């Protein structure tokens, strides 16, 4: 989780490039990087070593940031960025279990008789774990996708999937929670709500130091 959060913070800044000649560190990338790292390591947490978890967490930041860019390019609205964190980093983590699972850890967590075959490819396994991971991902996508189409398709046909237009314009914080302040746009300023509402950013100056 830590390597994913730190990786997203700095790599995201590099990928976004300089703004007015300075790099901007988006702290929103940290929270989603932490979540992405946690999601990525969950599938294999019982069969990998700590250094394997560090590597998987760090690599997950590339998966997360790449998925965010893909959503933007495809013009898919994902307000809380659940697709990059849970779908993409989740699938990535399942695949990583087929690479980083050690024989000793697999033997302790599951079946010692299968450890030689089911260890990750990096530890002498025959690919059984990787094949199982691929099948597992397709099975989950098929199950979740089918039921999502049924449930949300039914709700949509009954006009129960979306709130009224006025509620959308005002925001559901107001209709559901009575929040009327805190998100007002300051005069003469544009606010970036591209991630989780207003975000805290750190501008890194070339001469060192930073400004909040």
N, C-alpha and C. Protein backbone atom coordinates (compact mmCIF):
# COMPACT_ATOMS: atom_id res chain seq x y z
N UNK A 1 0.82 -1.20 0.00
CA UNK A 1 0.00 0.00 0.00
C UNK A 1 0.87 1.26 0.00
N UNK A 2 1.90 1.23 0.85
CA UNK A 2 2.77 2.40 0.93
C UNK A 2 3.51 2.67 -0.36
N UNK A 3 4.03 1.60 -0.98
CA UNK A 3 4.76 1.79 -2.24
C UNK A 3 3.82 2.26 -3.35
N UNK A 4 2.57 1.80 -3.31
CA UNK A 4 1.60 2.26 -4.30
C UNK A 4 1.25 3.72 -4.12
N UNK A 5 1.07 4.14 -2.86
CA UNK A 5 0.73 5.54 -2.59
C UNK A 5 1.83 6.49 -2.97
N UNK A 6 3.06 6.16 -2.55
CA UNK A 6 4.20 7.03 -2.87
C UNK A 6 4.47 7.03 -4.37
N UNK A 7 4.36 5.85 -4.97
CA UNK A 7 4.58 5.76 -6.42
C UNK A 7 3.60 6.60 -7.20
N UNK A 8 2.32 6.53 -6.83
CA UNK A 8 1.29 7.33 -7.52
C UNK A 8 1.53 8.82 -7.33
N UNK A 9 1.99 9.21 -6.16
CA UNK A 9 2.22 10.63 -5.88
C UNK A 9 3.24 11.22 -6.84
N UNK A 10 4.39 10.57 -6.96
CA UNK A 10 5.48 11.14 -7.76
C UNK A 10 5.37 10.79 -9.24
N UNK A 11 5.01 9.56 -9.56
CA UNK A 11 4.90 9.18 -10.97
C UNK A 11 3.73 9.90 -11.62
N UNK A 12 2.64 10.06 -10.86
CA UNK A 12 1.50 10.83 -11.39
C UNK A 12 1.89 12.25 -11.71
N UNK A 13 2.71 12.85 -10.86
CA UNK A 13 3.18 14.22 -11.10
C UNK A 13 4.02 14.29 -12.36
N UNK A 14 4.89 13.30 -12.55
CA UNK A 14 5.74 13.28 -13.74
C UNK A 14 4.91 13.09 -15.01
N UNK A 15 3.91 12.21 -14.94
CA UNK A 15 3.08 11.96 -16.12
C UNK A 15 2.23 13.17 -16.48
N UNK A 16 1.79 13.92 -15.48
CA UNK A 16 0.98 15.11 -15.75
C UNK A 16 1.82 16.25 -16.32
N UNK A 17 3.13 16.20 -16.08
CA UNK A 17 4.00 17.25 -16.59
C UNK A 17 3.95 18.51 -15.74
N UNK A 18 4.67 19.51 -16.16
CA UNK A 18 4.76 20.75 -15.40
C UNK A 18 3.56 21.66 -15.68
N UNK A 19 3.13 22.35 -14.65
CA UNK A 19 2.08 23.35 -14.76
C UNK A 19 2.70 24.69 -14.40
N UNK A 20 2.73 25.60 -15.37
CA UNK A 20 3.39 26.90 -15.17
C UNK A 20 4.85 26.71 -14.75
N UNK A 21 5.50 25.72 -15.36
CA UNK A 21 6.92 25.49 -15.10
C UNK A 21 7.22 24.73 -13.83
N UNK A 22 6.21 24.20 -13.16
CA UNK A 22 6.42 23.50 -11.90
C UNK A 22 5.64 22.19 -11.88
N UNK A 23 6.19 21.20 -11.19
CA UNK A 23 5.47 19.95 -11.00
C UNK A 23 4.47 20.09 -9.85
N UNK A 24 3.33 19.46 -10.00
CA UNK A 24 2.28 19.53 -8.98
C UNK A 24 2.06 18.12 -8.41
N UNK A 25 2.18 18.00 -7.10
CA UNK A 25 1.92 16.73 -6.43
C UNK A 25 0.47 16.71 -5.97
N UNK A 26 -0.33 15.83 -6.53
CA UNK A 26 -1.74 15.72 -6.18
C UNK A 26 -1.90 14.70 -5.07
N UNK A 27 -2.31 15.18 -3.92
CA UNK A 27 -2.45 14.28 -2.78
C UNK A 27 -3.60 13.29 -2.97
N UNK A 28 -4.50 13.59 -3.91
CA UNK A 28 -5.54 12.62 -4.24
C UNK A 28 -4.95 11.35 -4.81
N UNK A 29 -3.81 11.47 -5.49
CA UNK A 29 -3.14 10.28 -6.03
C UNK A 29 -2.63 9.38 -4.91
N UNK A 30 -2.30 9.97 -3.77
CA UNK A 30 -1.79 9.17 -2.65
C UNK A 30 -2.89 8.25 -2.13
N UNK A 31 -4.07 8.82 -1.87
CA UNK A 31 -5.12 8.00 -1.28
C UNK A 31 -5.56 6.89 -2.21
N UNK A 32 -5.68 7.18 -3.51
CA UNK A 32 -6.06 6.13 -4.44
C UNK A 32 -4.91 5.17 -4.71
N UNK A 33 -3.66 5.67 -4.63
CA UNK A 33 -2.52 4.79 -4.76
C UNK A 33 -2.44 3.80 -3.61
N UNK A 34 -2.75 4.28 -2.41
CA UNK A 34 -2.80 3.39 -1.24
C UNK A 34 -3.86 2.31 -1.42
N UNK A 35 -5.05 2.75 -1.86
CA UNK A 35 -6.13 1.79 -2.07
C UNK A 35 -5.78 0.79 -3.17
N UNK A 36 -5.21 1.31 -4.26
CA UNK A 36 -4.82 0.43 -5.36
C UNK A 36 -3.78 -0.59 -4.94
N UNK A 37 -2.81 -0.15 -4.13
CA UNK A 37 -1.80 -1.06 -3.62
C UNK A 37 -2.39 -2.13 -2.72
N UNK A 38 -3.32 -1.72 -1.86
CA UNK A 38 -3.98 -2.69 -0.98
C UNK A 38 -4.79 -3.71 -1.78
N UNK A 39 -5.53 -3.21 -2.76
CA UNK A 39 -6.34 -4.11 -3.59
C UNK A 39 -5.43 -5.09 -4.35
N UNK A 40 -4.34 -4.58 -4.90
CA UNK A 40 -3.46 -5.41 -5.72
C UNK A 40 -2.80 -6.52 -4.92
N UNK A 41 -2.51 -6.27 -3.67
CA UNK A 41 -1.78 -7.27 -2.87
C UNK A 41 -2.71 -8.23 -2.14
N UNK A 42 -4.01 -7.93 -2.14
CA UNK A 42 -4.95 -8.75 -1.37
C UNK A 42 -4.99 -10.20 -1.84
N UNK A 43 -5.06 -10.40 -3.16
CA UNK A 43 -5.22 -11.76 -3.69
C UNK A 43 -4.06 -12.67 -3.31
N UNK A 44 -2.86 -12.12 -3.20
CA UNK A 44 -1.67 -12.94 -2.99
C UNK A 44 -1.05 -12.77 -1.61
N UNK A 45 -1.73 -12.08 -0.69
CA UNK A 45 -1.10 -11.73 0.58
C UNK A 45 -0.64 -12.94 1.39
N UNK A 46 -1.29 -14.08 1.20
CA UNK A 46 -0.93 -15.25 1.99
C UNK A 46 0.19 -16.09 1.37
N UNK A 47 0.59 -15.76 0.14
CA UNK A 47 1.57 -16.63 -0.54
C UNK A 47 2.82 -15.88 -1.00
N UNK A 48 2.93 -14.60 -0.71
CA UNK A 48 4.09 -13.84 -1.17
C UNK A 48 4.92 -13.35 0.01
N UNK A 49 6.14 -12.96 -0.29
CA UNK A 49 7.04 -12.40 0.71
C UNK A 49 6.82 -10.88 0.80
N UNK A 50 7.26 -10.25 1.89
CA UNK A 50 7.09 -8.80 2.02
C UNK A 50 7.68 -8.01 0.86
N UNK A 51 8.82 -8.44 0.35
CA UNK A 51 9.39 -7.70 -0.78
C UNK A 51 8.53 -7.85 -2.03
N UNK A 52 7.87 -9.00 -2.15
CA UNK A 52 6.95 -9.20 -3.26
C UNK A 52 5.76 -8.25 -3.16
N UNK A 53 5.28 -8.07 -1.92
CA UNK A 53 4.17 -7.13 -1.71
C UNK A 53 4.59 -5.71 -2.06
N UNK A 54 5.81 -5.35 -1.72
CA UNK A 54 6.32 -4.01 -2.05
C UNK A 54 6.35 -3.81 -3.56
N UNK A 55 6.85 -4.81 -4.28
CA UNK A 55 6.94 -4.70 -5.74
C UNK A 55 5.56 -4.61 -6.37
N UNK A 56 4.65 -5.49 -5.93
CA UNK A 56 3.29 -5.49 -6.49
C UNK A 56 2.60 -4.15 -6.21
N UNK A 57 2.77 -3.64 -4.99
CA UNK A 57 2.16 -2.35 -4.66
C UNK A 57 2.69 -1.23 -5.53
N UNK A 58 4.01 -1.25 -5.76
CA UNK A 58 4.60 -0.19 -6.59
C UNK A 58 4.13 -0.30 -8.03
N UNK A 59 4.10 -1.52 -8.56
CA UNK A 59 3.65 -1.70 -9.95
C UNK A 59 2.19 -1.33 -10.13
N UNK A 60 1.41 -1.47 -9.05
CA UNK A 60 -0.02 -1.16 -9.16
C UNK A 60 -0.25 0.32 -9.46
N UNK A 61 0.71 1.18 -9.10
CA UNK A 61 0.50 2.61 -9.37
C UNK A 61 0.49 2.87 -10.88
N UNK A 62 1.24 2.09 -11.65
CA UNK A 62 1.22 2.24 -13.11
C UNK A 62 -0.13 1.76 -13.66
N UNK A 63 -0.65 0.69 -13.06
CA UNK A 63 -1.96 0.18 -13.48
C UNK A 63 -3.03 1.22 -13.19
N UNK A 64 -3.00 1.77 -11.98
CA UNK A 64 -3.99 2.77 -11.60
C UNK A 64 -3.92 4.00 -12.49
N UNK A 65 -2.74 4.58 -12.64
CA UNK A 65 -2.59 5.81 -13.43
C UNK A 65 -2.94 5.57 -14.89
N UNK A 66 -2.55 4.41 -15.41
CA UNK A 66 -2.89 4.09 -16.80
C UNK A 66 -4.39 3.94 -16.99
N UNK A 67 -5.05 3.33 -16.01
CA UNK A 67 -6.51 3.17 -16.09
C UNK A 67 -7.22 4.52 -16.02
N UNK A 68 -6.71 5.42 -15.19
CA UNK A 68 -7.30 6.76 -15.10
C UNK A 68 -7.20 7.47 -16.45
N UNK A 69 -6.03 7.40 -17.08
CA UNK A 69 -5.85 8.02 -18.40
C UNK A 69 -6.79 7.39 -19.43
N UNK A 70 -6.97 6.06 -19.33
CA UNK A 70 -7.84 5.37 -20.29
C UNK A 70 -9.29 5.81 -20.12
N UNK A 71 -9.73 5.97 -18.87
CA UNK A 71 -11.10 6.44 -18.64
C UNK A 71 -11.31 7.83 -19.21
N UNK A 72 -10.32 8.70 -19.03
CA UNK A 72 -10.42 10.04 -19.59
C UNK A 72 -10.50 10.00 -21.11
N UNK A 73 -9.66 9.16 -21.72
CA UNK A 73 -9.64 9.06 -23.18
C UNK A 73 -10.96 8.51 -23.71
N UNK A 74 -11.56 7.58 -22.96
CA UNK A 74 -12.82 6.96 -23.38
C UNK A 74 -14.04 7.77 -22.94
N UNK A 75 -13.78 8.86 -22.19
CA UNK A 75 -14.84 9.73 -21.69
C UNK A 75 -15.85 8.96 -20.83
N UNK A 76 -15.32 8.11 -19.96
CA UNK A 76 -16.14 7.36 -19.01
C UNK A 76 -16.12 8.08 -17.67
N UNK A 77 -17.28 8.39 -17.15
CA UNK A 77 -17.39 9.13 -15.90
C UNK A 77 -17.36 8.17 -14.72
N UNK A 78 -16.28 8.19 -13.98
CA UNK A 78 -16.14 7.37 -12.77
C UNK A 78 -15.75 8.31 -11.64
N UNK A 79 -16.74 8.82 -10.93
CA UNK A 79 -16.52 9.91 -9.99
C UNK A 79 -15.50 9.55 -8.91
N UNK A 80 -15.60 8.36 -8.36
CA UNK A 80 -14.69 7.96 -7.28
C UNK A 80 -13.54 7.10 -7.77
N UNK A 81 -13.40 6.96 -9.09
CA UNK A 81 -12.32 6.18 -9.70
C UNK A 81 -12.28 4.76 -9.16
N UNK A 82 -13.45 4.14 -9.07
CA UNK A 82 -13.54 2.77 -8.57
C UNK A 82 -13.01 1.77 -9.60
N UNK A 83 -13.17 2.07 -10.88
CA UNK A 83 -12.70 1.15 -11.91
C UNK A 83 -11.18 0.98 -11.87
N UNK A 84 -10.41 2.08 -11.85
CA UNK A 84 -8.96 1.91 -11.76
C UNK A 84 -8.51 1.20 -10.48
N UNK A 85 -9.13 1.56 -9.35
CA UNK A 85 -8.69 0.99 -8.07
C UNK A 85 -9.11 -0.47 -7.93
N UNK A 86 -10.40 -0.74 -8.10
CA UNK A 86 -10.90 -2.06 -7.75
C UNK A 86 -10.88 -3.05 -8.91
N UNK A 87 -11.31 -2.62 -10.09
CA UNK A 87 -11.30 -3.54 -11.23
C UNK A 87 -9.89 -3.77 -11.75
N UNK A 88 -9.22 -2.69 -12.13
CA UNK A 88 -7.92 -2.83 -12.78
C UNK A 88 -6.84 -3.31 -11.81
N UNK A 89 -6.73 -2.67 -10.66
CA UNK A 89 -5.71 -3.12 -9.69
C UNK A 89 -6.07 -4.48 -9.12
N UNK A 90 -7.36 -4.78 -9.02
CA UNK A 90 -7.78 -6.10 -8.54
C UNK A 90 -7.37 -7.20 -9.50
N UNK A 91 -7.65 -7.01 -10.79
CA UNK A 91 -7.25 -8.01 -11.79
C UNK A 91 -5.74 -8.15 -11.84
N UNK A 92 -5.05 -7.03 -11.76
CA UNK A 92 -3.59 -7.06 -11.75
C UNK A 92 -3.07 -7.87 -10.56
N UNK A 93 -3.66 -7.66 -9.39
CA UNK A 93 -3.22 -8.38 -8.19
C UNK A 93 -3.45 -9.88 -8.30
N UNK A 94 -4.56 -10.29 -8.90
CA UNK A 94 -4.83 -11.71 -9.09
C UNK A 94 -3.75 -12.33 -9.98
N UNK A 95 -3.39 -11.64 -11.04
CA UNK A 95 -2.35 -12.15 -11.94
C UNK A 95 -0.99 -12.23 -11.25
N UNK A 96 -0.71 -11.28 -10.37
CA UNK A 96 0.58 -11.26 -9.69
C UNK A 96 0.77 -12.44 -8.75
N UNK A 97 -0.34 -13.02 -8.28
CA UNK A 97 -0.22 -14.21 -7.44
C UNK A 97 0.36 -15.37 -8.23
N UNK A 98 0.15 -15.36 -9.53
CA UNK A 98 0.71 -16.39 -10.39
C UNK A 98 2.18 -16.19 -10.69
N UNK A 99 2.73 -15.06 -10.26
CA UNK A 99 4.15 -14.79 -10.46
C UNK A 99 4.96 -14.83 -9.17
N UNK A 100 4.41 -14.28 -8.09
CA UNK A 100 5.18 -14.05 -6.87
C UNK A 100 4.90 -15.05 -5.74
N UNK A 101 4.01 -16.00 -5.93
CA UNK A 101 3.74 -16.99 -4.88
C UNK A 101 4.96 -17.89 -4.68
N UNK A 102 5.43 -18.00 -3.45
CA UNK A 102 6.58 -18.88 -3.17
C UNK A 102 6.07 -20.27 -2.77
N UNK A 103 6.92 -21.28 -2.96
CA UNK A 103 6.53 -22.64 -2.62
C UNK A 103 6.25 -22.78 -1.12
N UNK A 104 7.11 -22.16 -0.31
CA UNK A 104 6.95 -22.28 1.14
C UNK A 104 5.64 -21.66 1.61
N UNK A 105 5.36 -20.47 1.13
CA UNK A 105 4.14 -19.79 1.55
C UNK A 105 2.89 -20.47 1.02
N UNK A 106 2.95 -20.96 -0.21
CA UNK A 106 1.80 -21.68 -0.76
C UNK A 106 1.55 -22.95 0.04
N UNK A 107 2.62 -23.63 0.40
CA UNK A 107 2.50 -24.85 1.19
C UNK A 107 1.87 -24.59 2.54
N UNK A 108 2.25 -23.49 3.17
CA UNK A 108 1.71 -23.15 4.49
C UNK A 108 0.25 -22.70 4.41
N UNK A 109 -0.09 -21.97 3.34
CA UNK A 109 -1.44 -21.41 3.23
C UNK A 109 -2.45 -22.40 2.65
N UNK A 110 -1.98 -23.29 1.77
CA UNK A 110 -2.91 -24.17 1.06
C UNK A 110 -2.48 -25.64 1.17
N UNK A 111 -1.93 -26.19 0.08
CA UNK A 111 -1.63 -27.62 0.04
C UNK A 111 -0.15 -27.82 -0.28
N UNK A 112 0.55 -28.50 0.63
CA UNK A 112 1.98 -28.72 0.41
C UNK A 112 2.23 -29.63 -0.78
N UNK A 113 1.30 -30.55 -1.07
CA UNK A 113 1.49 -31.48 -2.18
C UNK A 113 1.46 -30.78 -3.53
N UNK A 114 0.84 -29.60 -3.58
CA UNK A 114 0.72 -28.88 -4.85
C UNK A 114 1.68 -27.70 -4.95
N UNK A 115 2.49 -27.50 -3.94
CA UNK A 115 3.32 -26.30 -3.89
C UNK A 115 4.27 -26.19 -5.07
N UNK A 116 4.86 -27.29 -5.48
CA UNK A 116 5.83 -27.24 -6.58
C UNK A 116 5.17 -26.78 -7.88
N UNK A 117 3.95 -27.23 -8.12
CA UNK A 117 3.25 -26.85 -9.35
C UNK A 117 2.60 -25.48 -9.25
N UNK A 118 2.06 -25.18 -8.08
CA UNK A 118 1.24 -23.98 -7.94
C UNK A 118 2.01 -22.75 -7.47
N UNK A 119 3.31 -22.88 -7.28
CA UNK A 119 4.11 -21.70 -6.96
C UNK A 119 4.10 -20.75 -8.16
N UNK A 120 4.44 -19.50 -7.92
CA UNK A 120 4.48 -18.53 -9.01
C UNK A 120 5.55 -18.85 -10.02
N UNK A 121 5.41 -18.30 -11.20
CA UNK A 121 6.37 -18.56 -12.28
C UNK A 121 7.78 -18.11 -11.91
N UNK A 122 7.88 -17.08 -11.08
CA UNK A 122 9.20 -16.61 -10.66
C UNK A 122 9.86 -17.56 -9.67
N UNK A 123 9.12 -18.53 -9.15
CA UNK A 123 9.65 -19.43 -8.13
C UNK A 123 9.53 -20.89 -8.54
N UNK A 124 9.56 -21.13 -9.83
CA UNK A 124 9.62 -22.49 -10.33
C UNK A 124 8.30 -23.19 -10.57
N UNK A 125 7.20 -22.50 -10.47
CA UNK A 125 5.90 -23.11 -10.74
C UNK A 125 5.72 -23.42 -12.21
N UNK A 126 4.75 -24.30 -12.50
CA UNK A 126 4.54 -24.71 -13.89
C UNK A 126 3.49 -23.88 -14.62
N UNK A 127 3.03 -22.81 -14.00
CA UNK A 127 2.05 -21.95 -14.64
C UNK A 127 0.62 -22.25 -14.24
N UNK A 128 0.43 -23.25 -13.37
CA UNK A 128 -0.93 -23.59 -12.95
C UNK A 128 -1.62 -22.43 -12.23
N UNK A 129 -0.88 -21.74 -11.38
CA UNK A 129 -1.46 -20.61 -10.65
C UNK A 129 -1.83 -19.46 -11.59
N UNK A 130 -0.98 -19.22 -12.56
CA UNK A 130 -1.29 -18.16 -13.52
C UNK A 130 -2.51 -18.51 -14.36
N UNK A 131 -2.60 -19.76 -14.79
CA UNK A 131 -3.77 -20.19 -15.57
C UNK A 131 -5.04 -20.07 -14.74
N UNK A 132 -4.95 -20.48 -13.47
CA UNK A 132 -6.12 -20.38 -12.59
C UNK A 132 -6.51 -18.92 -12.37
N UNK A 133 -5.50 -18.04 -12.28
CA UNK A 133 -5.78 -16.61 -12.08
C UNK A 133 -6.52 -16.02 -13.27
N UNK A 134 -6.11 -16.39 -14.47
CA UNK A 134 -6.76 -15.88 -15.68
C UNK A 134 -8.21 -16.35 -15.75
N UNK A 135 -8.41 -17.65 -15.50
CA UNK A 135 -9.78 -18.19 -15.51
C UNK A 135 -10.63 -17.52 -14.44
N UNK A 136 -10.04 -17.31 -13.27
CA UNK A 136 -10.74 -16.68 -12.15
C UNK A 136 -11.21 -15.28 -12.52
N UNK A 137 -10.36 -14.51 -13.19
CA UNK A 137 -10.72 -13.15 -13.59
C UNK A 137 -11.90 -13.17 -14.57
N UNK A 138 -11.83 -14.05 -15.57
CA UNK A 138 -12.92 -14.13 -16.55
C UNK A 138 -14.23 -14.56 -15.87
N UNK A 139 -14.13 -15.47 -14.91
CA UNK A 139 -15.33 -15.93 -14.22
C UNK A 139 -15.98 -14.80 -13.43
N UNK A 140 -15.15 -14.01 -12.72
CA UNK A 140 -15.67 -12.90 -11.93
C UNK A 140 -16.29 -11.84 -12.83
N UNK A 141 -15.59 -11.49 -13.91
CA UNK A 141 -16.12 -10.48 -14.83
C UNK A 141 -17.45 -10.93 -15.43
N UNK A 142 -17.53 -12.21 -15.80
CA UNK A 142 -18.77 -12.73 -16.37
C UNK A 142 -19.91 -12.70 -15.36
N UNK A 143 -19.62 -13.13 -14.12
CA UNK A 143 -20.65 -13.17 -13.08
C UNK A 143 -21.13 -11.75 -12.72
N UNK A 144 -20.18 -10.88 -12.41
CA UNK A 144 -20.53 -9.52 -12.02
C UNK A 144 -21.17 -8.76 -13.18
N UNK A 145 -20.63 -8.93 -14.37
CA UNK A 145 -21.17 -8.23 -15.53
C UNK A 145 -22.60 -8.64 -15.84
N UNK A 146 -22.86 -9.93 -15.76
CA UNK A 146 -24.21 -10.43 -16.04
C UNK A 146 -25.22 -9.89 -15.05
N UNK A 147 -24.91 -10.01 -13.77
CA UNK A 147 -25.85 -9.55 -12.75
C UNK A 147 -25.98 -8.03 -12.73
N UNK A 148 -24.91 -7.33 -13.06
CA UNK A 148 -24.99 -5.87 -13.12
C UNK A 148 -25.93 -5.44 -14.24
N UNK A 149 -25.83 -6.10 -15.39
CA UNK A 149 -26.73 -5.78 -16.50
C UNK A 149 -28.17 -6.04 -16.12
N UNK A 150 -28.41 -7.15 -15.42
CA UNK A 150 -29.77 -7.49 -15.03
C UNK A 150 -30.33 -6.47 -14.03
N UNK A 151 -29.56 -6.22 -12.97
CA UNK A 151 -30.03 -5.34 -11.91
C UNK A 151 -30.17 -3.90 -12.39
N UNK A 152 -29.08 -3.36 -12.97
CA UNK A 152 -29.12 -1.96 -13.37
C UNK A 152 -29.97 -1.74 -14.62
N UNK A 153 -30.05 -2.75 -15.48
CA UNK A 153 -30.94 -2.65 -16.63
C UNK A 153 -32.39 -2.57 -16.19
N UNK A 154 -32.74 -3.37 -15.18
CA UNK A 154 -34.10 -3.34 -14.65
C UNK A 154 -34.40 -1.99 -14.01
N UNK A 155 -33.47 -1.49 -13.20
CA UNK A 155 -33.66 -0.19 -12.56
C UNK A 155 -33.81 0.92 -13.60
N UNK A 156 -32.99 0.85 -14.65
CA UNK A 156 -33.05 1.87 -15.69
C UNK A 156 -34.39 1.83 -16.42
N UNK A 157 -34.88 0.65 -16.70
CA UNK A 157 -36.16 0.53 -17.41
C UNK A 157 -37.32 1.04 -16.56
N UNK A 158 -37.13 1.05 -15.24
CA UNK A 158 -38.17 1.54 -14.33
C UNK A 158 -37.93 2.99 -13.93
N UNK A 159 -36.94 3.62 -14.57
CA UNK A 159 -36.58 5.02 -14.28
C UNK A 159 -36.19 5.22 -12.82
N UNK A 160 -35.52 4.23 -12.26
CA UNK A 160 -35.09 4.30 -10.87
C UNK A 160 -33.58 4.40 -10.72
N UNK A 161 -32.88 4.49 -11.86
CA UNK A 161 -31.42 4.46 -11.80
C UNK A 161 -30.81 5.84 -11.57
N UNK A 162 -31.51 6.88 -12.02
CA UNK A 162 -30.97 8.24 -11.90
C UNK A 162 -31.93 9.12 -11.13
N UNK A 163 -31.36 10.12 -10.47
CA UNK A 163 -32.19 11.10 -9.79
C UNK A 163 -32.65 12.15 -10.80
N UNK A 164 -33.50 13.05 -10.37
CA UNK A 164 -34.01 14.08 -11.27
C UNK A 164 -32.91 15.06 -11.66
N UNK A 165 -33.12 15.73 -12.79
CA UNK A 165 -32.12 16.63 -13.32
C UNK A 165 -31.73 17.75 -12.35
N UNK A 166 -32.72 18.30 -11.66
CA UNK A 166 -32.44 19.39 -10.71
C UNK A 166 -31.56 18.90 -9.57
N UNK A 167 -31.80 17.67 -9.11
CA UNK A 167 -30.99 17.10 -8.04
C UNK A 167 -29.55 16.89 -8.52
N UNK A 168 -29.39 16.48 -9.77
CA UNK A 168 -28.05 16.32 -10.34
C UNK A 168 -27.31 17.65 -10.38
N UNK A 169 -28.03 18.69 -10.77
CA UNK A 169 -27.41 20.00 -10.88
C UNK A 169 -26.98 20.53 -9.50
N UNK A 170 -27.84 20.35 -8.51
CA UNK A 170 -27.53 20.87 -7.18
C UNK A 170 -26.55 19.98 -6.43
N UNK A 171 -26.48 18.70 -6.81
CA UNK A 171 -25.62 17.77 -6.11
C UNK A 171 -26.38 17.04 -5.03
N UNK A 172 -26.10 15.74 -4.89
CA UNK A 172 -26.85 14.94 -3.93
C UNK A 172 -26.40 15.16 -2.49
N UNK A 173 -25.30 15.87 -2.30
CA UNK A 173 -24.94 16.25 -0.94
C UNK A 173 -26.04 17.10 -0.32
N UNK A 174 -26.65 17.92 -1.16
CA UNK A 174 -27.72 18.80 -0.67
C UNK A 174 -29.01 18.01 -0.43
N UNK A 175 -29.41 17.19 -1.39
CA UNK A 175 -30.69 16.49 -1.28
C UNK A 175 -30.65 15.38 -0.24
N UNK A 176 -29.51 14.71 -0.11
CA UNK A 176 -29.44 13.56 0.79
C UNK A 176 -28.95 13.93 2.19
N UNK A 177 -28.05 14.93 2.26
CA UNK A 177 -27.42 15.22 3.55
C UNK A 177 -27.64 16.66 4.03
N UNK A 178 -28.31 17.47 3.20
CA UNK A 178 -28.57 18.83 3.62
C UNK A 178 -27.37 19.76 3.57
N UNK A 179 -26.31 19.37 2.86
CA UNK A 179 -25.11 20.20 2.77
C UNK A 179 -25.35 21.31 1.76
N UNK A 180 -25.25 22.54 2.20
CA UNK A 180 -25.48 23.69 1.30
C UNK A 180 -24.25 24.57 1.16
N UNK A 181 -23.21 24.33 1.96
CA UNK A 181 -21.98 25.11 1.88
C UNK A 181 -20.80 24.17 1.85
N UNK A 182 -19.64 24.73 1.56
CA UNK A 182 -18.41 23.94 1.56
C UNK A 182 -17.89 23.62 0.17
N UNK A 183 -18.80 23.67 -0.84
CA UNK A 183 -18.39 23.38 -2.20
C UNK A 183 -18.64 24.56 -3.13
N UNK A 184 -18.89 25.72 -2.54
CA UNK A 184 -19.17 26.89 -3.36
C UNK A 184 -17.92 27.34 -4.07
N UNK A 185 -18.04 27.62 -5.34
CA UNK A 185 -16.90 28.03 -6.14
C UNK A 185 -16.55 29.49 -5.86
N UNK A 186 -15.29 29.75 -5.48
CA UNK A 186 -14.89 31.14 -5.21
C UNK A 186 -15.00 31.98 -6.47
N UNK A 187 -15.29 33.27 -6.28
CA UNK A 187 -15.43 34.17 -7.43
C UNK A 187 -14.10 34.31 -8.15
N UNK A 188 -14.16 34.18 -9.47
CA UNK A 188 -12.97 34.39 -10.27
C UNK A 188 -12.00 33.23 -10.26
N UNK A 189 -12.38 32.11 -9.65
CA UNK A 189 -11.48 30.97 -9.60
C UNK A 189 -12.20 29.74 -10.14
N UNK A 190 -11.41 28.86 -10.79
CA UNK A 190 -11.94 27.59 -11.26
C UNK A 190 -11.43 26.50 -10.35
N UNK A 191 -12.33 25.62 -9.96
CA UNK A 191 -11.95 24.53 -9.08
C UNK A 191 -11.94 23.23 -9.85
N UNK A 192 -10.96 22.38 -9.58
CA UNK A 192 -10.82 21.11 -10.26
C UNK A 192 -11.52 20.03 -9.45
N UNK A 193 -12.59 19.46 -10.01
CA UNK A 193 -13.33 18.40 -9.32
C UNK A 193 -13.17 17.09 -10.07
N UNK A 194 -12.04 16.91 -10.72
CA UNK A 194 -11.87 15.76 -11.59
C UNK A 194 -11.71 14.45 -10.83
N UNK A 195 -11.40 14.55 -9.52
CA UNK A 195 -11.21 13.29 -8.80
C UNK A 195 -12.26 13.13 -7.73
N UNK A 196 -11.99 13.52 -6.51
CA UNK A 196 -12.93 13.34 -5.41
C UNK A 196 -13.35 14.69 -4.87
N UNK A 197 -13.91 15.55 -5.74
CA UNK A 197 -14.28 16.89 -5.30
C UNK A 197 -13.03 17.74 -5.23
N UNK A 198 -13.05 18.82 -4.43
CA UNK A 198 -11.89 19.70 -4.30
C UNK A 198 -10.69 18.92 -3.82
N UNK A 199 -9.54 19.12 -4.45
CA UNK A 199 -8.36 18.35 -4.08
C UNK A 199 -7.26 19.26 -3.57
N UNK A 200 -6.45 18.74 -2.66
CA UNK A 200 -5.32 19.46 -2.12
C UNK A 200 -4.11 19.15 -2.98
N UNK A 201 -3.43 20.17 -3.44
CA UNK A 201 -2.28 19.98 -4.30
C UNK A 201 -1.07 20.65 -3.71
N UNK A 202 0.10 20.10 -4.01
CA UNK A 202 1.37 20.66 -3.57
C UNK A 202 2.18 21.02 -4.80
N UNK A 203 2.60 22.27 -4.90
CA UNK A 203 3.40 22.72 -6.03
C UNK A 203 4.87 22.65 -5.65
N UNK A 204 5.64 21.89 -6.41
CA UNK A 204 7.06 21.74 -6.15
C UNK A 204 7.85 22.72 -6.98
N UNK A 205 8.56 23.61 -6.33
CA UNK A 205 9.32 24.61 -7.05
C UNK A 205 10.69 24.06 -7.45
N UNK A 206 11.23 24.63 -8.53
CA UNK A 206 12.52 24.18 -9.01
C UNK A 206 13.64 24.44 -8.01
N UNK A 207 13.46 25.47 -7.21
CA UNK A 207 14.49 25.81 -6.25
C UNK A 207 14.41 25.04 -4.96
N UNK A 208 13.54 24.04 -4.90
CA UNK A 208 13.40 23.26 -3.68
C UNK A 208 12.24 23.77 -2.86
N UNK A 209 11.79 22.94 -1.93
CA UNK A 209 10.68 23.32 -1.08
C UNK A 209 9.36 23.13 -1.81
N UNK A 210 8.29 23.43 -1.14
CA UNK A 210 6.99 23.27 -1.76
C UNK A 210 6.00 24.25 -1.15
N UNK A 211 4.96 24.51 -1.89
CA UNK A 211 3.87 25.37 -1.42
C UNK A 211 2.59 24.58 -1.35
N UNK A 212 1.84 24.67 -0.29
CA UNK A 212 0.54 24.02 -0.21
C UNK A 212 -0.51 24.96 -0.84
